[in-house]
Each structure stands twice: as structure tokens, then as C-alpha cells.
Amino acid sequence: MTEHSKIPLSGHDDAAHEAENQPQKQAPTGRTRGPGESLIERAAGRFDFNAIIARPGPLPVEPARKAPAPAAPPAAVPAAPTASGAPASVPPPFAAPLAAEQEPAPPLAAPPLAEPPFAAPIAFSDDHHPIDREHLREQGLIVPEGTVTALLEEFRIVKRQLLVQAADLRRQGAGAASQRILISSPHPGEGKTYCALNLALSIAAEKESEVLLVDADFAKPSILSALGLPGGPGLMDALMDETIDPAACVLGTDIPGLWIMPAGDATINDSEYLASSRTAEVLERLTENAPRRMVIFDSPPALAASPAAELAKYVGQTVVIVRADRTGQGALEDAISLLGACPNVQLLLNDAQFSPSGRRFGSYYGYKG
């Protein structure tokens, strides 16, 4: 018969086997072990695992971190001794905020630019030549300081329309050209010089304007003789010689606001000189810094000489004189075509014996009642 031996138990199983063969003992906890306890419970009671397992102690306290040592304050600058020998009081080093912590100062506003000084208008001659008023009356021209006549009222209406048009051109950016008016006609003998003189005399009476009458009829100048003024260098001399100041060629009169520029030396190349770049320089000089100065050109007839067409390129308005019962329609159309370089061409009827509107200025001002 085969002998059976028990398989030896290791560890806690041997302890448990021995515990089964011994009488029950009182557990260290005072609890009686019963027969239904598990091996682990009986082993725990025998070896008193509770005593072996260390009870948890308090959690280790992490040592407090040391704060970094404060930076050493900057060395205080010794205060300068006062008159008594004691050092003056110095504020604490950190009384004022550090420069890096201060807010940047706002940028200083730039001082306003100084306005440029007002430029005075170009000055003409200080010599004021007298104008014979009786000579003006004999020619049927407007007499300054005279009585109100039909002729005066008619040219008041004409000048007012031209001044209004000049103001409109200035607002539109026409520049100095808005201050220039060309007076011409298709043929000689239609009254262009007569109208140019009366228009200049009328504008000179304006309180805020002055007028420069330029004799641009180089072949047959007549402005000086009509006003009784002496001769001298004029427009053509300034065009031919660049060393001549155009302002030096202007003559003053004893009529306030009226200036005269002679035609100057006669030449067969007057149109060529007018077509050169020098013309723009001369004309700009005549109105330099003088926005209220009007310049009137008495040019030769458009169908008789070419300077009128050249001058039309530099003016803002052109007035074509049409003589009643003399100027033909074909001649008028040809003259307007030649003066087409000017954007504003207007007609003025001269020597008319009737008024379409029935106006009679002379009879109105001559009426007493």
C-alpha cells in the first residue's frame, strides 16, 4: 500500500496548521478566535500584524524656503554741506519712483508756424501826371469828379458785369488771367480805344479796385495822346529787353486808381515777341500781389493785325466792340474766331441811337421834380 505523506506547507500555512492543533487563545485584541475565521485572520491574530505595521505619523513638513536677500540699496550720495556745516537733508533713496517706472512725458506740441509776412503789391512809379479833365470832356469821355451822365451809367453797367465775371473766374482758379480784359474790334474806327478809355475811367472809381490801362496797339498807339501823357518805354520794350522791369514802364496819373502803360517802341516783330515766353512773365509782373488790380489791353483790330489774337491767350475776358450800322456780321464772326483762345468773348454795341429796353439814363438824372 502506497504511503502518503503530507505536502509540507510553507509560510503562513504552517503557522495556520499549528494553530489548528492548539487550543484557542485570547487574541491580543481581546477577541476570541472562532472556528470560522479565515487563515489570514488567524495568522494576523497569531503574529499580531497590527503591532508590526507602523502607524502613520504626521506628514513631513517641507522646510520653508528662504526669501532672496533684498538687493542692497544704492549708495546714498553724500549731501553737500550747508553753510552751517551740517549736511543738507537728503530724501530716502526710494522716495521717488525709478526712472524706468515713470510714465513717459507727453510729446510737446510743435509751435504753430509763423504766417508769412503779407507781400505788398508791386509798386509803380511815384510820379502822378495830371490829366486834363476838359480834354476828356471834349473827346466825349467820362470825366472823374464830374456829374452823373448817361455815358457814366452805361459804362457802370458794363464794368459791373465784367467785374462779376472776373470774380467768378478767380473762384474757378483762372489765376491772374481773371484780372485781364482785352478790348478789340473787327475793323479800325469802331470805337475800341474810346470804350477802353471809358471802361478804365469807370473801374478807377471803384473803392476797392484799381486799373492799369495798357496800350497794346503797337502800330497805332493812341492812349497817351488821348490823356495828354508823355511818351516813354512801354510794353514792347519790356518784351524785347529782359533787363527792363515792366513796373518801371507804368505811368501814374492824378486820377486815383488809374495807371497807364504805353505801347513802347515800334517793331515789325510785335506778334513774335507776344508769342514768346517772356509775355507771361511780363503780364504776371503787372499784377504781382495785387488781386484787385484789373488790367485792360487796348489791342489793334483783330482783322487788321495779329497781336490781338496773341493777347487773347493771356486774358480771362475779351470784349469785341461792334459799331452800330457799320460792323458786318461776317467780319464779326471772323473776329470772334480769331479771338477764340479766350474762353469768354462778349460783344459791346457802340454808337447805338436807340435802346431796346427804353432806358435813358441822361433823362432820368436830368429830371428835376
Protein backbone atom coordinates (compact mmCIF):
# COMPACT_ATOMS: atom_id res chain seq x y z
CA MET A 1 0.00 0.00 0.00
CA THR A 2 1.45 3.26 -1.01
CA GLU A 3 2.38 5.60 1.84
CA HIS A 4 1.01 9.03 1.63
CA SER A 5 2.78 11.90 3.25
CA LYS A 6 1.52 15.41 3.66
CA ILE A 7 2.94 18.11 1.45
CA PRO A 8 4.76 20.45 3.73
CA LEU A 9 3.16 23.90 3.95
CA SER A 10 5.29 26.98 3.83
CA GLY A 11 4.96 30.34 5.45
CA HIS A 12 1.66 31.17 6.92
CA ASP A 13 0.18 27.75 6.06
CA ASP A 14 2.48 26.05 8.64
CA ALA A 15 1.53 28.58 11.22
CA ALA A 16 -2.08 28.09 10.45
CA HIS A 17 -1.74 24.27 10.73
CA GLU A 18 -0.15 24.54 14.11
CA ALA A 19 -2.81 26.92 15.20
CA GLU A 20 -5.47 24.37 14.38
CA ASN A 21 -3.92 21.73 16.75
CA GLN A 22 -3.53 24.08 19.69
CA PRO A 23 -6.20 25.26 21.99
CA GLN A 24 -7.77 28.59 21.39
CA LYS A 25 -6.05 31.54 22.98
CA GLN A 26 -7.17 35.03 23.69
CA ALA A 27 -6.22 37.32 20.79
CA PRO A 28 -4.14 40.29 21.65
CA THR A 29 -7.08 42.46 20.78
CA GLY A 30 -9.19 40.63 23.43
CA ARG A 31 -11.27 38.97 20.77
CA THR A 32 -11.81 35.19 20.87
CA ARG A 33 -10.91 33.41 17.68
CA GLY A 34 -13.71 31.38 16.35
CA PRO A 35 -13.58 28.32 14.26
CA GLY A 36 -14.94 30.20 11.21
CA GLU A 37 -12.05 32.63 10.92
CA SER A 38 -10.03 32.62 7.78
CA LEU A 39 -6.39 31.66 7.71
CA ILE A 40 -5.37 35.28 7.19
CA GLU A 41 -7.40 36.39 10.18
CA ARG A 42 -5.97 33.63 12.38
CA ALA A 43 -2.45 34.39 11.16
CA ALA A 44 -2.97 38.02 11.90
CA GLY A 45 -4.06 37.14 15.39
CA ARG A 46 -1.05 34.91 15.98
CA PHE A 47 1.63 37.20 14.72
CA ASP A 48 -0.05 40.48 15.71
CA PHE A 49 0.45 42.22 12.40
CA ASN A 50 -1.03 45.39 13.84
CA ALA A 51 2.00 45.79 16.03
CA ILE A 52 4.35 45.15 13.17
CA ILE A 53 2.74 47.73 10.80
CA ALA A 54 3.84 51.21 11.88
CA ARG A 55 1.09 53.67 12.45
CA PRO A 56 1.24 56.62 10.04
CA GLY A 57 2.86 59.62 11.60
CA PRO A 58 2.37 63.25 10.75
CA LEU A 59 3.28 64.30 7.25
CA PRO A 60 6.78 65.69 6.98
CA VAL A 61 6.78 69.45 6.86
CA GLU A 62 8.72 70.91 3.96
CA PRO A 63 11.23 73.36 5.27
CA ALA A 64 10.26 76.95 4.46
CA ARG A 65 12.09 78.40 1.51
CA LYS A 66 14.32 81.25 2.32
CA ALA A 67 13.35 84.55 0.73
CA PRO A 68 16.02 86.02 -1.53
CA ALA A 69 18.06 88.61 0.19
CA PRO A 70 16.97 92.14 -0.83
CA ALA A 71 19.28 93.94 -3.17
CA ALA A 72 21.47 96.39 -1.46
CA PRO A 73 20.17 99.92 -1.93
CA PRO A 74 22.37 102.21 -3.98
CA ALA A 75 24.85 104.08 -2.00
CA ALA A 76 23.47 107.39 -0.92
CA VAL A 77 25.20 110.37 -2.39
CA PRO A 78 26.55 112.42 0.43
CA ALA A 79 24.68 115.63 0.75
CA ALA A 80 26.51 118.82 0.17
CA PRO A 81 27.19 120.60 3.41
CA THR A 82 25.17 123.66 4.08
CA ALA A 83 26.56 126.98 5.14
CA SER A 84 26.43 125.87 8.78
CA GLY A 85 28.49 122.76 8.05
CA ALA A 86 25.66 120.26 8.57
CA PRO A 87 24.74 118.10 5.59
CA ALA A 88 21.52 119.06 3.90
CA SER A 89 18.60 116.69 4.23
CA VAL A 90 18.51 114.08 1.51
CA PRO A 91 15.27 112.24 0.64
CA PRO A 92 15.25 108.44 1.04
CA PRO A 93 16.72 106.56 -1.91
CA PHE A 94 13.35 105.16 -2.99
CA ALA A 95 11.19 108.16 -2.19
CA ALA A 96 10.81 108.95 -5.87
CA PRO A 97 9.81 106.27 -8.43
CA LEU A 98 12.53 104.78 -10.51
CA ALA A 99 13.08 106.37 -13.89
CA ALA A 100 12.08 103.13 -15.63
CA GLU A 101 8.72 103.14 -13.81
CA GLN A 102 7.86 106.74 -14.62
CA GLU A 103 5.36 107.33 -17.42
CA PRO A 104 6.91 108.96 -20.45
CA ALA A 105 6.12 112.64 -20.68
CA PRO A 106 3.73 113.54 -23.50
CA PRO A 107 5.48 115.00 -26.54
CA LEU A 108 5.48 118.74 -26.63
CA ALA A 109 3.19 120.22 -29.25
CA ALA A 110 5.02 121.82 -32.11
CA PRO A 111 4.72 125.59 -32.03
CA PRO A 112 2.43 126.96 -34.74
CA LEU A 113 4.19 128.03 -37.87
CA ALA A 114 4.51 131.73 -38.21
CA GLU A 115 2.40 133.14 -41.01
CA PRO A 116 4.44 134.52 -43.86
CA PRO A 117 4.51 138.29 -43.92
CA PHE A 118 1.98 139.92 -46.19
CA ALA A 119 3.58 140.69 -49.54
CA ALA A 120 2.92 144.21 -50.70
CA PRO A 121 1.66 144.68 -54.27
CA ILE A 122 4.19 145.63 -56.87
CA ALA A 123 4.70 149.37 -56.72
CA PHE A 124 4.52 151.56 -59.80
CA SER A 125 6.02 154.98 -60.34
CA ASP A 126 5.55 157.65 -57.69
CA ASP A 127 5.13 160.31 -60.40
CA HIS A 128 1.47 161.12 -60.97
CA HIS A 129 0.92 163.01 -64.19
CA PRO A 130 -2.07 165.37 -64.33
CA ILE A 131 -4.95 164.56 -66.68
CA ASP A 132 -6.70 167.47 -68.36
CA ARG A 133 -10.38 166.98 -67.45
CA GLU A 134 -11.53 169.45 -70.09
CA HIS A 135 -9.68 167.47 -72.72
CA LEU A 136 -11.55 164.36 -71.60
CA ARG A 137 -14.88 166.18 -71.90
CA GLU A 138 -14.07 167.37 -75.42
CA GLN A 139 -13.48 163.77 -76.51
CA GLY A 140 -16.76 162.62 -75.02
CA LEU A 141 -15.05 160.58 -72.30
CA ILE A 142 -16.05 160.10 -68.66
CA VAL A 143 -14.85 162.99 -66.52
CA PRO A 144 -13.80 161.99 -63.00
CA GLU A 145 -15.47 164.01 -60.23
CA GLY A 146 -17.96 165.18 -62.84
CA THR A 147 -21.73 164.96 -62.89
CA VAL A 148 -23.60 161.72 -63.48
CA THR A 149 -24.26 161.32 -67.20
CA ALA A 150 -25.84 158.69 -69.43
CA LEU A 151 -22.36 157.67 -70.59
CA LEU A 152 -21.22 157.17 -66.99
CA GLU A 153 -24.23 155.00 -66.16
CA GLU A 154 -23.86 152.90 -69.30
CA PHE A 155 -20.23 152.05 -68.51
CA ARG A 156 -21.14 151.41 -64.89
CA ILE A 157 -23.37 148.61 -66.12
CA VAL A 158 -20.67 147.30 -68.45
CA LYS A 159 -17.93 147.33 -65.81
CA ARG A 160 -20.16 145.69 -63.20
CA GLN A 161 -20.76 142.70 -65.45
CA LEU A 162 -17.04 142.42 -66.23
CA LEU A 163 -16.05 142.62 -62.55
CA VAL A 164 -18.58 139.96 -61.61
CA GLN A 165 -17.25 137.71 -64.36
CA ALA A 166 -13.69 138.34 -63.16
CA ALA A 167 -14.66 137.27 -59.62
CA ASP A 168 -16.22 134.08 -60.98
CA LEU A 169 -13.08 133.27 -62.97
CA ARG A 170 -10.96 133.83 -59.86
CA ARG A 171 -13.08 131.36 -57.90
CA GLN A 172 -12.71 128.87 -60.74
CA GLY A 173 -8.92 129.04 -60.46
CA ALA A 174 -8.15 131.18 -63.51
CA GLY A 175 -5.43 132.99 -61.58
CA ALA A 176 -4.08 136.30 -62.83
CA ALA A 177 -5.83 135.84 -66.19
CA SER A 178 -9.11 136.62 -64.43
CA GLN A 179 -7.81 140.17 -63.90
CA ARG A 180 -7.12 140.82 -67.60
CA ILE A 181 -9.61 142.15 -70.16
CA LEU A 182 -8.88 142.52 -73.86
CA ILE A 183 -10.68 145.24 -75.87
CA SER A 184 -10.71 144.74 -79.63
CA SER A 185 -12.87 145.15 -82.72
CA PRO A 186 -13.07 143.62 -86.17
CA HIS A 187 -12.00 146.79 -88.06
CA PRO A 188 -10.48 150.18 -87.26
CA GLY A 189 -12.78 153.09 -86.47
CA GLU A 190 -15.36 151.05 -84.48
CA GLY A 191 -14.56 152.69 -81.12
CA LYS A 192 -12.34 150.18 -79.32
CA THR A 193 -9.98 152.83 -77.83
CA TYR A 194 -12.92 155.01 -76.85
CA CYS A 195 -14.54 152.10 -74.98
CA ALA A 196 -11.24 151.02 -73.41
CA LEU A 197 -10.66 154.53 -72.01
CA ASN A 198 -14.17 154.88 -70.59
CA LEU A 199 -14.08 151.41 -69.08
CA ALA A 200 -10.74 152.18 -67.38
CA LEU A 201 -12.02 155.52 -66.04
CA SER A 202 -15.13 153.78 -64.69
CA ILE A 203 -13.23 150.97 -62.94
CA ALA A 204 -10.80 153.51 -61.42
CA ALA A 205 -13.75 154.97 -59.50
CA GLU A 206 -14.21 151.67 -57.62
CA LYS A 207 -13.38 151.91 -53.91
CA GLU A 208 -11.60 148.55 -53.67
CA SER A 209 -10.13 148.18 -57.16
CA GLU A 210 -7.60 149.86 -59.39
CA VAL A 211 -6.99 149.60 -63.10
CA LEU A 212 -3.97 149.52 -65.41
CA LEU A 213 -4.73 150.53 -68.99
CA VAL A 214 -2.16 149.06 -71.41
CA ASP A 215 -1.79 150.45 -74.93
CA ALA A 216 -1.21 147.24 -76.92
CA ASP A 217 -1.89 148.78 -80.34
CA PHE A 218 1.79 148.86 -81.26
CA ALA A 219 1.26 150.06 -84.84
CA LYS A 220 -1.04 152.99 -83.98
CA PRO A 221 -0.92 153.78 -80.24
CA SER A 222 -3.35 156.49 -79.11
CA ILE A 223 -3.84 156.19 -75.33
CA LEU A 224 -1.12 158.69 -74.38
CA SER A 225 -2.40 161.37 -76.75
CA ALA A 226 -5.98 160.92 -75.54
CA LEU A 227 -4.92 161.51 -71.92
CA GLY A 228 -2.19 164.07 -72.64
CA LEU A 229 0.60 161.95 -71.14
CA PRO A 230 4.30 161.98 -72.15
CA GLY A 231 5.85 159.13 -74.06
CA GLY A 232 8.29 156.60 -72.70
CA PRO A 233 9.19 152.90 -72.64
CA GLY A 234 6.26 150.55 -72.57
CA LEU A 235 5.03 147.02 -73.08
CA MET A 236 7.05 146.21 -76.19
CA ASP A 237 10.27 147.47 -74.60
CA ALA A 238 9.75 145.10 -71.65
CA LEU A 239 9.12 142.22 -74.07
CA MET A 240 12.25 142.87 -76.11
CA ASP A 241 14.63 143.58 -73.22
CA GLU A 242 14.57 141.17 -70.26
CA THR A 243 16.55 143.60 -68.11
CA ILE A 244 13.65 146.09 -68.11
CA ASP A 245 11.24 145.82 -65.20
CA PRO A 246 7.70 146.12 -66.60
CA ALA A 247 6.63 148.02 -63.47
CA ALA A 248 9.11 150.76 -64.34
CA CYS A 249 7.23 151.40 -67.61
CA VAL A 250 3.93 152.22 -65.88
CA LEU A 251 2.88 155.88 -65.59
CA GLY A 252 0.87 157.23 -62.69
CA THR A 253 -1.96 159.74 -63.08
CA ASP A 254 -3.68 162.19 -60.76
CA ILE A 255 -6.87 160.14 -61.15
CA PRO A 256 -6.91 157.82 -58.11
CA GLY A 257 -6.69 154.17 -59.12
CA LEU A 258 -5.76 154.80 -62.78
CA TRP A 259 -2.39 153.69 -64.21
CA ILE A 260 -1.20 153.78 -67.84
CA MET A 261 1.36 151.60 -69.65
CA PRO A 262 2.46 152.91 -73.08
CA ALA A 263 2.85 150.70 -76.13
CA GLY A 264 6.61 151.28 -76.27
CA ASP A 265 8.98 151.04 -79.18
CA ALA A 266 7.52 150.05 -82.53
CA THR A 267 8.74 146.87 -84.21
CA ILE A 268 7.76 144.70 -87.15
CA ASN A 269 8.00 141.59 -84.94
CA ASP A 270 5.37 142.51 -82.37
CA SER A 271 3.42 139.23 -82.81
CA GLU A 272 6.59 137.17 -82.42
CA TYR A 273 7.50 138.91 -79.19
CA LEU A 274 3.98 138.39 -77.86
CA ALA A 275 4.21 134.69 -78.72
CA SER A 276 7.39 134.24 -76.64
CA SER A 277 7.54 133.00 -73.03
CA ARG A 278 8.59 136.48 -71.92
CA THR A 279 5.00 137.70 -72.34
CA ALA A 280 3.70 135.56 -69.48
CA GLU A 281 6.46 136.86 -67.19
CA VAL A 282 5.72 140.49 -68.03
CA LEU A 283 1.97 140.15 -67.53
CA GLU A 284 2.40 138.28 -64.24
CA ARG A 285 4.65 141.07 -63.02
CA LEU A 286 1.95 143.68 -63.65
CA THR A 287 -0.48 142.03 -61.19
CA GLU A 288 2.03 140.62 -58.70
CA ASN A 289 0.48 140.53 -55.20
CA ALA A 290 -2.37 142.75 -56.42
CA PRO A 291 -5.53 140.60 -56.70
CA ARG A 292 -7.79 143.66 -57.01
CA ARG A 293 -5.92 145.22 -59.90
CA MET A 294 -7.62 144.95 -63.30
CA VAL A 295 -5.56 145.18 -66.49
CA ILE A 296 -7.22 146.39 -69.70
CA PHE A 297 -5.49 145.92 -73.06
CA ASP A 298 -6.39 148.22 -75.95
CA SER A 299 -5.34 145.93 -78.78
CA PRO A 300 -5.34 146.53 -82.55
CA PRO A 301 -8.35 145.40 -84.61
CA ALA A 302 -8.50 141.61 -84.85
CA LEU A 303 -8.89 141.53 -88.64
CA ALA A 304 -6.25 144.19 -89.23
CA ALA A 305 -3.32 142.99 -87.08
CA SER A 306 -2.30 139.74 -85.42
CA PRO A 307 -1.33 140.93 -81.88
CA ALA A 308 -4.98 140.78 -80.76
CA ALA A 309 -5.11 137.02 -81.33
CA GLU A 310 -1.85 136.54 -79.40
CA LEU A 311 -3.02 138.62 -76.44
CA ALA A 312 -6.29 136.66 -76.30
CA LYS A 313 -4.29 133.68 -74.95
CA TYR A 314 -3.45 135.53 -71.74
CA VAL A 315 -6.74 137.18 -70.77
CA GLY A 316 -9.83 135.92 -68.98
CA GLN A 317 -12.32 138.07 -70.94
CA THR A 318 -12.46 139.68 -74.37
CA VAL A 319 -14.84 142.48 -75.32
CA VAL A 320 -15.41 142.90 -79.06
CA ILE A 321 -16.67 146.37 -79.94
CA VAL A 322 -19.40 146.31 -82.54
CA ARG A 323 -20.35 149.67 -84.08
CA ALA A 324 -23.98 150.05 -84.94
CA ASP A 325 -24.77 150.22 -88.67
CA ARG A 326 -21.11 149.63 -89.57
CA THR A 327 -19.78 146.26 -88.37
CA GLY A 328 -20.89 143.45 -90.66
CA GLN A 329 -21.94 140.02 -89.41
CA GLY A 330 -19.27 138.19 -91.42
CA ALA A 331 -16.49 140.41 -90.06
CA LEU A 332 -17.81 139.95 -86.55
CA GLU A 333 -17.82 136.16 -86.89
CA ASP A 334 -14.26 136.17 -88.25
CA ALA A 335 -13.03 138.37 -85.41
CA ILE A 336 -14.63 136.13 -82.79
CA SER A 337 -13.00 133.11 -84.41
CA LEU A 338 -9.55 134.73 -84.28
CA LEU A 339 -10.02 135.65 -80.60
CA GLY A 340 -11.25 132.17 -79.73
CA ALA A 341 -8.22 131.48 -77.49
CA CYS A 342 -10.05 133.48 -74.82
CA PRO A 343 -12.83 131.40 -73.22
CA ASN A 344 -15.15 134.39 -72.62
CA VAL A 345 -15.86 136.62 -75.63
CA GLN A 346 -18.54 139.29 -75.21
CA LEU A 347 -19.95 141.94 -77.53
CA LEU A 348 -20.44 145.64 -76.80
CA LEU A 349 -22.65 147.66 -79.12
CA ASN A 350 -21.20 151.12 -79.68
CA ASP A 351 -22.73 154.30 -81.13
CA ALA A 352 -26.26 152.97 -80.95
CA GLN A 353 -29.01 155.58 -81.38
CA PHE A 354 -31.70 153.52 -79.75
CA SER A 355 -32.15 151.46 -76.59
CA PRO A 356 -34.03 148.15 -76.85
CA SER A 357 -35.10 148.44 -73.20
CA GLY A 358 -36.12 152.08 -73.47
CA ARG A 359 -33.58 153.22 -70.82
CA ARG A 360 -32.48 156.81 -70.91
CA PHE A 361 -30.07 157.45 -68.05
CA GLY A 362 -29.45 161.05 -69.01
CA SER A 363 -33.14 161.94 -68.97
CA TYR A 364 -33.58 160.22 -65.59
CA TYR A 365 -30.73 162.05 -63.87
CA GLY A 366 -31.59 165.31 -65.64
CA TYR A 367 -35.17 165.23 -64.39
CA LYS A 368 -35.94 167.65 -61.56
CA GLY A 369 -39.11 167.33 -59.63
